[in-house]
Amino acid sequence: MSGADLYTDGGYLERNNTWHVQDSPWKAKQILRMLQKNNIQPSTVYEIGCGAGEILNQLYQQMPPSVEFHGYDISPQAFQLAKTREKDRLKFHQEDLLEQDVSSDVLLMIDVVEHVEDYYSFLRKLKSKGKYKIVHLPLELSVQGVLRMTPILEGRANVGHIHYFMKQTALASLEEAGYEIVDHFYTAGAIDLPSKSLKGSLMKLPRRLMFTLNQDLAVRVLGGYSLLILAR
């Protein structure tokens, strides 16, 4: 199973039966931090590849009652999960946002770009869909990741990651697709979220200590971080 089939034929749900709902409060927290840091107060927030819809649900609960939220996903399984969270001002659509004539104040691309076969075309088509874009990208190209390879290969098999980034290539890719970078910061999922293995638990302390001393070096050497980007 490859490409879009992974998300439409049930393969993704079979491998990830929660559709990562447990990580959604943390992801929403990072998005709110970015919005607040840049004094952005949107009236509409759209998300492409919204999955089970819990990120938008978390934002719905924490943002002003004037904000409207719309989530789009091509997966029928994700759509069924998301529909259980639908309410006034929070709507979900089993449609390809790229094909819709819509625009929003803020467009979310949260852990999506690394799944898309032609992500340059994807980014260019999405540019007009939001005044501001918030992109979350895992930074899987680290010294540890390349030496071990297992995390990268497991991510490819289990969650469909087919592109791998470091900070510099993530920012360059968006700029090459015509985006203007407004702000960015690292997010520490490997530290903040529960570990899936003993090794992950043991790595929390060295990652935290090294990040305190030198953020860029810690990310490049030890990995476990993602990049949250605000762009226009």
C-alpha atoms as a PDB file:
ATOM      1  CA  MET A   1       0.000   0.000   0.000  1.00  0.00           C
ATOM      2  CA  SER A   2       1.444   3.378  -0.993  1.00  0.00           C
ATOM      3  CA  GLY A   3       0.558   7.005  -1.597  1.00  0.00           C
ATOM      4  CA  ALA A   4      -2.994   8.137  -0.888  1.00  0.00           C
ATOM      5  CA  ASP A   5      -4.165   4.513  -0.632  1.00  0.00           C
ATOM      6  CA  LEU A   6      -2.588   4.308   2.814  1.00  0.00           C
ATOM      7  CA  TYR A   7      -5.015   6.957   4.077  1.00  0.00           C
ATOM      8  CA  THR A   8      -8.138   5.980   2.109  1.00  0.00           C
ATOM      9  CA  ASP A   9      -8.070   2.173   2.326  1.00  0.00           C
ATOM     10  CA  GLY A  10      -7.777   1.918   6.093  1.00  0.00           C
ATOM     11  CA  GLY A  11      -4.078   1.054   6.288  1.00  0.00           C
ATOM     12  CA  TYR A  12      -3.148   4.145   8.274  1.00  0.00           C
ATOM     13  CA  LEU A  13      -5.856   3.555  10.876  1.00  0.00           C
ATOM     14  CA  GLU A  14      -4.782  -0.082  11.161  1.00  0.00           C
ATOM     15  CA  ARG A  15      -1.223   1.002  12.012  1.00  0.00           C
ATOM     16  CA  ASN A  16      -2.265   4.016  14.138  1.00  0.00           C
ATOM     17  CA  ASN A  17      -5.581   3.184  15.750  1.00  0.00           C
ATOM     18  CA  THR A  18      -5.859   6.441  17.740  1.00  0.00           C
ATOM     19  CA  TRP A  19      -4.827   8.606  14.759  1.00  0.00           C
ATOM     20  CA  HIS A  20      -2.451  10.333  17.254  1.00  0.00           C
ATOM     21  CA  VAL A  21      -5.294  11.936  19.210  1.00  0.00           C
ATOM     22  CA  GLN A  22      -3.205  11.660  22.382  1.00  0.00           C
ATOM     23  CA  ASP A  23      -0.665  14.145  20.957  1.00  0.00           C
ATOM     24  CA  SER A  24      -3.269  16.714  19.900  1.00  0.00           C
ATOM     25  CA  PRO A  25      -3.463  18.798  23.120  1.00  0.00           C
ATOM     26  CA  TRP A  26       0.307  19.292  22.980  1.00  0.00           C
ATOM     27  CA  LYS A  27       0.195  20.245  19.282  1.00  0.00           C
ATOM     28  CA  ALA A  28      -2.637  22.693  19.898  1.00  0.00           C
ATOM     29  CA  LYS A  29      -0.574  24.257  22.686  1.00  0.00           C
ATOM     30  CA  GLN A  30       2.291  24.890  20.233  1.00  0.00           C
ATOM     31  CA  ILE A  31      -0.087  26.462  17.706  1.00  0.00           C
ATOM     32  CA  LEU A  32      -1.589  28.759  20.344  1.00  0.00           C
ATOM     33  CA  ARG A  33       1.909  29.752  21.419  1.00  0.00           C
ATOM     34  CA  MET A  34       2.751  30.753  17.838  1.00  0.00           C
ATOM     35  CA  LEU A  35      -0.471  32.733  17.395  1.00  0.00           C
ATOM     36  CA  GLN A  36      -0.019  34.562  20.691  1.00  0.00           C
ATOM     37  CA  LYS A  37       3.676  35.223  20.070  1.00  0.00           C
ATOM     38  CA  ASN A  38       2.812  36.968  16.792  1.00  0.00           C
ATOM     39  CA  ASN A  39      -0.427  38.607  17.989  1.00  0.00           C
ATOM     40  CA  ILE A  40      -2.539  36.829  15.380  1.00  0.00           C
ATOM     41  CA  GLN A  41      -6.266  36.769  16.159  1.00  0.00           C
ATOM     42  CA  PRO A  42      -7.966  34.847  13.353  1.00  0.00           C
ATOM     43  CA  SER A  43     -11.664  34.622  12.564  1.00  0.00           C
ATOM     44  CA  THR A  44     -11.255  31.399  10.560  1.00  0.00           C
ATOM     45  CA  VAL A  45      -8.872  28.481  11.049  1.00  0.00           C
ATOM     46  CA  TYR A  46      -8.664  25.676   8.475  1.00  0.00           C
ATOM     47  CA  GLU A  47      -6.632  22.492   8.711  1.00  0.00           C
ATOM     48  CA  ILE A  48      -5.585  20.210   5.864  1.00  0.00           C
ATOM     49  CA  GLY A  49      -4.978  16.595   6.836  1.00  0.00           C
ATOM     50  CA  CYS A  50      -6.910  17.102  10.071  1.00  0.00           C
ATOM     51  CA  GLY A  51      -7.099  13.381  10.876  1.00  0.00           C
ATOM     52  CA  ALA A  52      -9.419  12.694  13.806  1.00  0.00           C
ATOM     53  CA  GLY A  53      -9.946  16.435  14.286  1.00  0.00           C
ATOM     54  CA  GLU A  54      -8.724  16.660  17.855  1.00  0.00           C
ATOM     55  CA  ILE A  55      -6.242  19.502  17.217  1.00  0.00           C
ATOM     56  CA  LEU A  56      -9.075  21.702  15.959  1.00  0.00           C
ATOM     57  CA  ASN A  57     -11.266  20.518  18.809  1.00  0.00           C
ATOM     58  CA  GLN A  58      -8.615  21.620  21.297  1.00  0.00           C
ATOM     59  CA  LEU A  59      -8.277  25.010  19.584  1.00  0.00           C
ATOM     60  CA  TYR A  60     -12.073  25.373  19.547  1.00  0.00           C
ATOM     61  CA  GLN A  61     -12.112  24.974  23.325  1.00  0.00           C
ATOM     62  CA  GLN A  62      -9.328  27.500  23.938  1.00  0.00           C
ATOM     63  CA  MET A  63      -9.852  30.255  21.342  1.00  0.00           C
ATOM     64  CA  PRO A  64     -12.551  32.983  21.334  1.00  0.00           C
ATOM     65  CA  PRO A  65     -16.153  31.934  20.524  1.00  0.00           C
ATOM     66  CA  SER A  66     -16.101  34.034  17.362  1.00  0.00           C
ATOM     67  CA  VAL A  67     -13.587  31.763  15.584  1.00  0.00           C
ATOM     68  CA  GLU A  68     -14.799  29.234  12.985  1.00  0.00           C
ATOM     69  CA  PHE A  69     -12.889  25.994  12.378  1.00  0.00           C
ATOM     70  CA  HIS A  70     -12.919  23.699   9.357  1.00  0.00           C
ATOM     71  CA  GLY A  71     -10.978  20.459   9.004  1.00  0.00           C
ATOM     72  CA  TYR A  72     -10.320  18.657   5.729  1.00  0.00           C
ATOM     73  CA  ASP A  73      -9.099  15.098   5.196  1.00  0.00           C
ATOM     74  CA  ILE A  74      -9.295  12.663   2.288  1.00  0.00           C
ATOM     75  CA  SER A  75      -9.476   9.631   4.579  1.00  0.00           C
ATOM     76  CA  PRO A  76     -12.984   8.231   5.189  1.00  0.00           C
ATOM     77  CA  GLN A  77     -11.738   6.631   8.411  1.00  0.00           C
ATOM     78  CA  ALA A  78     -10.366   9.942   9.708  1.00  0.00           C
ATOM     79  CA  PHE A  79     -13.558  11.714   8.692  1.00  0.00           C
ATOM     80  CA  GLN A  80     -15.692   9.298  10.706  1.00  0.00           C
ATOM     81  CA  LEU A  81     -13.529   9.929  13.766  1.00  0.00           C
ATOM     82  CA  ALA A  82     -13.600  13.699  13.239  1.00  0.00           C
ATOM     83  CA  LYS A  83     -17.394  13.844  12.800  1.00  0.00           C
ATOM     84  CA  THR A  84     -17.821  12.779  16.434  1.00  0.00           C
ATOM     85  CA  ARG A  85     -16.147  16.063  17.428  1.00  0.00           C
ATOM     86  CA  GLU A  86     -18.206  18.298  15.156  1.00  0.00           C
ATOM     87  CA  LYS A  87     -20.236  21.099  16.705  1.00  0.00           C
ATOM     88  CA  ASP A  88     -21.255  24.664  16.059  1.00  0.00           C
ATOM     89  CA  ARG A  89     -18.284  26.530  14.479  1.00  0.00           C
ATOM     90  CA  LEU A  90     -16.315  23.266  14.143  1.00  0.00           C
ATOM     91  CA  LYS A  91     -16.982  21.417  10.885  1.00  0.00           C
ATOM     92  CA  PHE A  92     -15.220  18.573   9.087  1.00  0.00           C
ATOM     93  CA  HIS A  93     -15.123  17.716   5.401  1.00  0.00           C
ATOM     94  CA  GLN A  94     -14.077  14.535   3.611  1.00  0.00           C
ATOM     95  CA  GLU A  95     -12.656  16.519   0.727  1.00  0.00           C
ATOM     96  CA  ASP A  96      -9.331  17.591  -0.721  1.00  0.00           C
ATOM     97  CA  LEU A  97      -8.821  21.177   0.426  1.00  0.00           C
ATOM     98  CA  LEU A  98      -6.637  21.775  -2.623  1.00  0.00           C
ATOM     99  CA  GLU A  99      -9.735  21.423  -4.809  1.00  0.00           C
ATOM    100  CA  GLN A 100     -11.941  23.782  -2.777  1.00  0.00           C
ATOM    101  CA  ASP A 101     -12.460  27.478  -3.482  1.00  0.00           C
ATOM    102  CA  VAL A 102     -11.910  28.588   0.116  1.00  0.00           C
ATOM    103  CA  SER A 103      -9.576  30.837   2.061  1.00  0.00           C
ATOM    104  CA  SER A 104      -8.890  31.289   5.763  1.00  0.00           C
ATOM    105  CA  ASP A 105      -7.073  33.596   8.133  1.00  0.00           C
ATOM    106  CA  VAL A 106      -4.897  30.721   9.356  1.00  0.00           C
ATOM    107  CA  LEU A 107      -4.240  27.457   7.530  1.00  0.00           C
ATOM    108  CA  LEU A 108      -2.755  24.587   9.523  1.00  0.00           C
ATOM    109  CA  MET A 109      -0.452  21.950   8.022  1.00  0.00           C
ATOM    110  CA  ILE A 110       0.418  19.910  11.083  1.00  0.00           C
ATOM    111  CA  ASP A 111       2.685  16.917  10.372  1.00  0.00           C
ATOM    112  CA  VAL A 112       1.344  16.646   6.835  1.00  0.00           C
ATOM    113  CA  VAL A 113       4.021  17.825   4.368  1.00  0.00           C
ATOM    114  CA  GLU A 114       6.331  14.854   5.022  1.00  0.00           C
ATOM    115  CA  HIS A 115       3.564  12.504   3.810  1.00  0.00           C
ATOM    116  CA  VAL A 116       2.950  14.205   0.445  1.00  0.00           C
ATOM    117  CA  GLU A 117       4.623  12.773  -2.650  1.00  0.00           C
ATOM    118  CA  ASP A 118       5.019  16.107  -4.480  1.00  0.00           C
ATOM    119  CA  TYR A 119       5.161  18.488  -1.574  1.00  0.00           C
ATOM    120  CA  TYR A 120       6.341  21.469  -3.636  1.00  0.00           C
ATOM    121  CA  SER A 121       3.163  21.428  -5.749  1.00  0.00           C
ATOM    122  CA  PHE A 122       1.180  20.804  -2.570  1.00  0.00           C
ATOM    123  CA  LEU A 123       2.657  23.872  -0.859  1.00  0.00           C
ATOM    124  CA  ARG A 124       2.249  26.108  -3.901  1.00  0.00           C
ATOM    125  CA  LYS A 125      -1.426  25.158  -4.328  1.00  0.00           C
ATOM    126  CA  LEU A 126      -2.099  25.783  -0.638  1.00  0.00           C
ATOM    127  CA  LYS A 127      -0.470  29.203  -0.518  1.00  0.00           C
ATOM    128  CA  SER A 128      -3.694  31.016  -1.483  1.00  0.00           C
ATOM    129  CA  LYS A 129      -5.796  29.041   1.020  1.00  0.00           C
ATOM    130  CA  GLY A 130      -4.706  31.035   4.056  1.00  0.00           C
ATOM    131  CA  LYS A 131      -3.354  34.475   4.911  1.00  0.00           C
ATOM    132  CA  TYR A 132      -1.063  32.837   7.438  1.00  0.00           C
ATOM    133  CA  LYS A 133       0.160  29.259   7.310  1.00  0.00           C
ATOM    134  CA  ILE A 134       1.337  27.294  10.335  1.00  0.00           C
ATOM    135  CA  VAL A 135       3.426  24.267   9.391  1.00  0.00           C
ATOM    136  CA  HIS A 136       4.711  21.597  11.768  1.00  0.00           C
ATOM    137  CA  LEU A 137       7.496  19.387  10.426  1.00  0.00           C
ATOM    138  CA  PRO A 138       9.425  16.598  12.165  1.00  0.00           C
ATOM    139  CA  LEU A 139      13.185  17.088  11.922  1.00  0.00           C
ATOM    140  CA  GLU A 140      14.198  13.473  11.354  1.00  0.00           C
ATOM    141  CA  LEU A 141      17.591  14.191   9.779  1.00  0.00           C
ATOM    142  CA  SER A 142      19.813  14.127  12.858  1.00  0.00           C
ATOM    143  CA  VAL A 143      23.166  12.456  13.479  1.00  0.00           C
ATOM    144  CA  GLN A 144      21.525   9.897  15.747  1.00  0.00           C
ATOM    145  CA  GLY A 145      18.658   9.289  13.326  1.00  0.00           C
ATOM    146  CA  VAL A 146      20.952   8.688  10.353  1.00  0.00           C
ATOM    147  CA  LEU A 147      23.332   6.453  12.312  1.00  0.00           C
ATOM    148  CA  ARG A 148      20.552   4.302  13.755  1.00  0.00           C
ATOM    149  CA  MET A 149      18.207   4.484  10.711  1.00  0.00           C
ATOM    150  CA  THR A 150      15.596   2.404  12.554  1.00  0.00           C
ATOM    151  CA  PRO A 151      13.436   5.398  13.604  1.00  0.00           C
ATOM    152  CA  ILE A 152      13.422   6.741  10.049  1.00  0.00           C
ATOM    153  CA  LEU A 153      12.526   3.386   8.516  1.00  0.00           C
ATOM    154  CA  GLU A 154       9.869   2.714  11.149  1.00  0.00           C
ATOM    155  CA  GLY A 155       8.346   6.115  10.480  1.00  0.00           C
ATOM    156  CA  ARG A 156       8.262   5.339   6.783  1.00  0.00           C
ATOM    157  CA  ALA A 157       6.540   1.991   7.327  1.00  0.00           C
ATOM    158  CA  ASN A 158       4.145   2.921  10.116  1.00  0.00           C
ATOM    159  CA  VAL A 159       3.163   6.549   9.625  1.00  0.00           C
ATOM    160  CA  GLY A 160       3.949   7.160   5.956  1.00  0.00           C
ATOM    161  CA  HIS A 161       6.814   9.652   6.220  1.00  0.00           C
ATOM    162  CA  ILE A 162       8.458   9.780   2.793  1.00  0.00           C
ATOM    163  CA  HIS A 163      10.431  13.039   3.123  1.00  0.00           C
ATOM    164  CA  TYR A 164      12.964  13.914   5.804  1.00  0.00           C
ATOM    165  CA  PHE A 165      13.954  17.368   6.963  1.00  0.00           C
ATOM    166  CA  MET A 166      16.376  19.338   9.072  1.00  0.00           C
ATOM    167  CA  LYS A 167      15.713  22.934  10.045  1.00  0.00           C
ATOM    168  CA  GLN A 168      17.542  24.461   7.104  1.00  0.00           C
ATOM    169  CA  THR A 169      15.885  22.301   4.430  1.00  0.00           C
ATOM    170  CA  ALA A 170      12.447  22.768   6.003  1.00  0.00           C
ATOM    171  CA  LEU A 171      12.721  26.556   5.839  1.00  0.00           C
ATOM    172  CA  ALA A 172      14.320  26.482   2.379  1.00  0.00           C
ATOM    173  CA  SER A 173      11.536  24.263   1.006  1.00  0.00           C
ATOM    174  CA  LEU A 174       8.855  26.715   2.099  1.00  0.00           C
ATOM    175  CA  GLU A 175      10.765  29.687   0.719  1.00  0.00           C
ATOM    176  CA  GLU A 176      11.330  27.877  -2.585  1.00  0.00           C
ATOM    177  CA  ALA A 177       7.583  27.239  -2.763  1.00  0.00           C
ATOM    178  CA  GLY A 178       6.988  30.988  -2.507  1.00  0.00           C
ATOM    179  CA  TYR A 179       6.324  31.383   1.216  1.00  0.00           C
ATOM    180  CA  GLU A 180       7.613  34.197   3.395  1.00  0.00           C
ATOM    181  CA  ILE A 181       8.880  32.911   6.748  1.00  0.00           C
ATOM    182  CA  VAL A 182       7.511  35.056   9.595  1.00  0.00           C
ATOM    183  CA  ASP A 183       8.599  33.055  12.643  1.00  0.00           C
ATOM    184  CA  HIS A 184       9.683  29.590  13.710  1.00  0.00           C
ATOM    185  CA  PHE A 185      10.673  27.649  16.797  1.00  0.00           C
ATOM    186  CA  TYR A 186      11.530  24.106  17.815  1.00  0.00           C
ATOM    187  CA  THR A 187       8.987  21.859  19.494  1.00  0.00           C
ATOM    188  CA  ALA A 188      10.218  19.079  21.776  1.00  0.00           C
ATOM    189  CA  GLY A 189       7.849  16.172  21.271  1.00  0.00           C
ATOM    190  CA  ALA A 190      10.435  13.601  22.362  1.00  0.00           C
ATOM    191  CA  ILE A 191      10.736  15.402  25.708  1.00  0.00           C
ATOM    192  CA  ASP A 192       7.209  16.681  26.328  1.00  0.00           C
ATOM    193  CA  LEU A 193       5.216  13.637  25.192  1.00  0.00           C
ATOM    194  CA  PRO A 194       5.251  10.156  26.780  1.00  0.00           C
ATOM    195  CA  SER A 195       8.036   7.976  25.412  1.00  0.00           C
ATOM    196  CA  LYS A 196       7.210   4.893  23.386  1.00  0.00           C
ATOM    197  CA  SER A 197      10.351   3.030  24.460  1.00  0.00           C
ATOM    198  CA  LEU A 198      12.912   2.804  27.249  1.00  0.00           C
ATOM    199  CA  LYS A 199      15.512   4.374  24.964  1.00  0.00           C
ATOM    200  CA  GLY A 200      13.225   7.321  24.384  1.00  0.00           C
ATOM    201  CA  SER A 201      12.807   7.799  28.120  1.00  0.00           C
ATOM    202  CA  LEU A 202      16.564   7.646  28.687  1.00  0.00           C
ATOM    203  CA  MET A 203      17.183  10.218  25.959  1.00  0.00           C
ATOM    204  CA  LYS A 204      14.955  12.865  27.542  1.00  0.00           C
ATOM    205  CA  LEU A 205      17.614  14.166  29.942  1.00  0.00           C
ATOM    206  CA  PRO A 206      20.526  14.479  27.471  1.00  0.00           C
ATOM    207  CA  ARG A 207      18.217  16.100  24.922  1.00  0.00           C
ATOM    208  CA  ARG A 208      16.984  18.605  27.480  1.00  0.00           C
ATOM    209  CA  LEU A 209      20.484  19.416  28.764  1.00  0.00           C
ATOM    210  CA  MET A 210      22.056  19.758  25.334  1.00  0.00           C
ATOM    211  CA  PHE A 211      19.137  21.885  24.098  1.00  0.00           C
ATOM    212  CA  THR A 212      19.718  24.272  27.010  1.00  0.00           C
ATOM    213  CA  LEU A 213      23.338  24.704  25.933  1.00  0.00           C
ATOM    214  CA  ASN A 214      22.883  24.869  22.154  1.00  0.00           C
ATOM    215  CA  GLN A 215      19.471  24.408  20.541  1.00  0.00           C
ATOM    216  CA  ASP A 216      20.600  23.906  16.945  1.00  0.00           C
ATOM    217  CA  LEU A 217      23.360  21.474  17.882  1.00  0.00           C
ATOM    218  CA  ALA A 218      21.049  19.417  20.104  1.00  0.00           C
ATOM    219  CA  VAL A 219      18.494  19.087  17.301  1.00  0.00           C
ATOM    220  CA  ARG A 220      21.107  18.187  14.671  1.00  0.00           C
ATOM    221  CA  VAL A 221      22.888  15.620  16.847  1.00  0.00           C
ATOM    222  CA  LEU A 222      20.259  14.006  19.084  1.00  0.00           C
ATOM    223  CA  GLY A 223      17.039  14.605  17.159  1.00  0.00           C
ATOM    224  CA  GLY A 224      13.614  14.240  18.747  1.00  0.00           C
ATOM    225  CA  TYR A 225      12.477  17.737  17.764  1.00  0.00           C
ATOM    226  CA  SER A 226      10.154  19.267  15.196  1.00  0.00           C
ATOM    227  CA  LEU A 227       9.923  22.768  13.729  1.00  0.00           C
ATOM    228  CA  LEU A 228       6.817  24.939  13.943  1.00  0.00           C
ATOM    229  CA  ILE A 229       6.810  27.567  11.199  1.00  0.00           C
ATOM    230  CA  LEU A 230       4.617  30.624  10.679  1.00  0.00           C
ATOM    231  CA  ALA A 231       4.582  31.787   7.074  1.00  0.00           C
ATOM    232  CA  ARG A 232       2.700  34.015   4.681  1.00  0.00           C
END
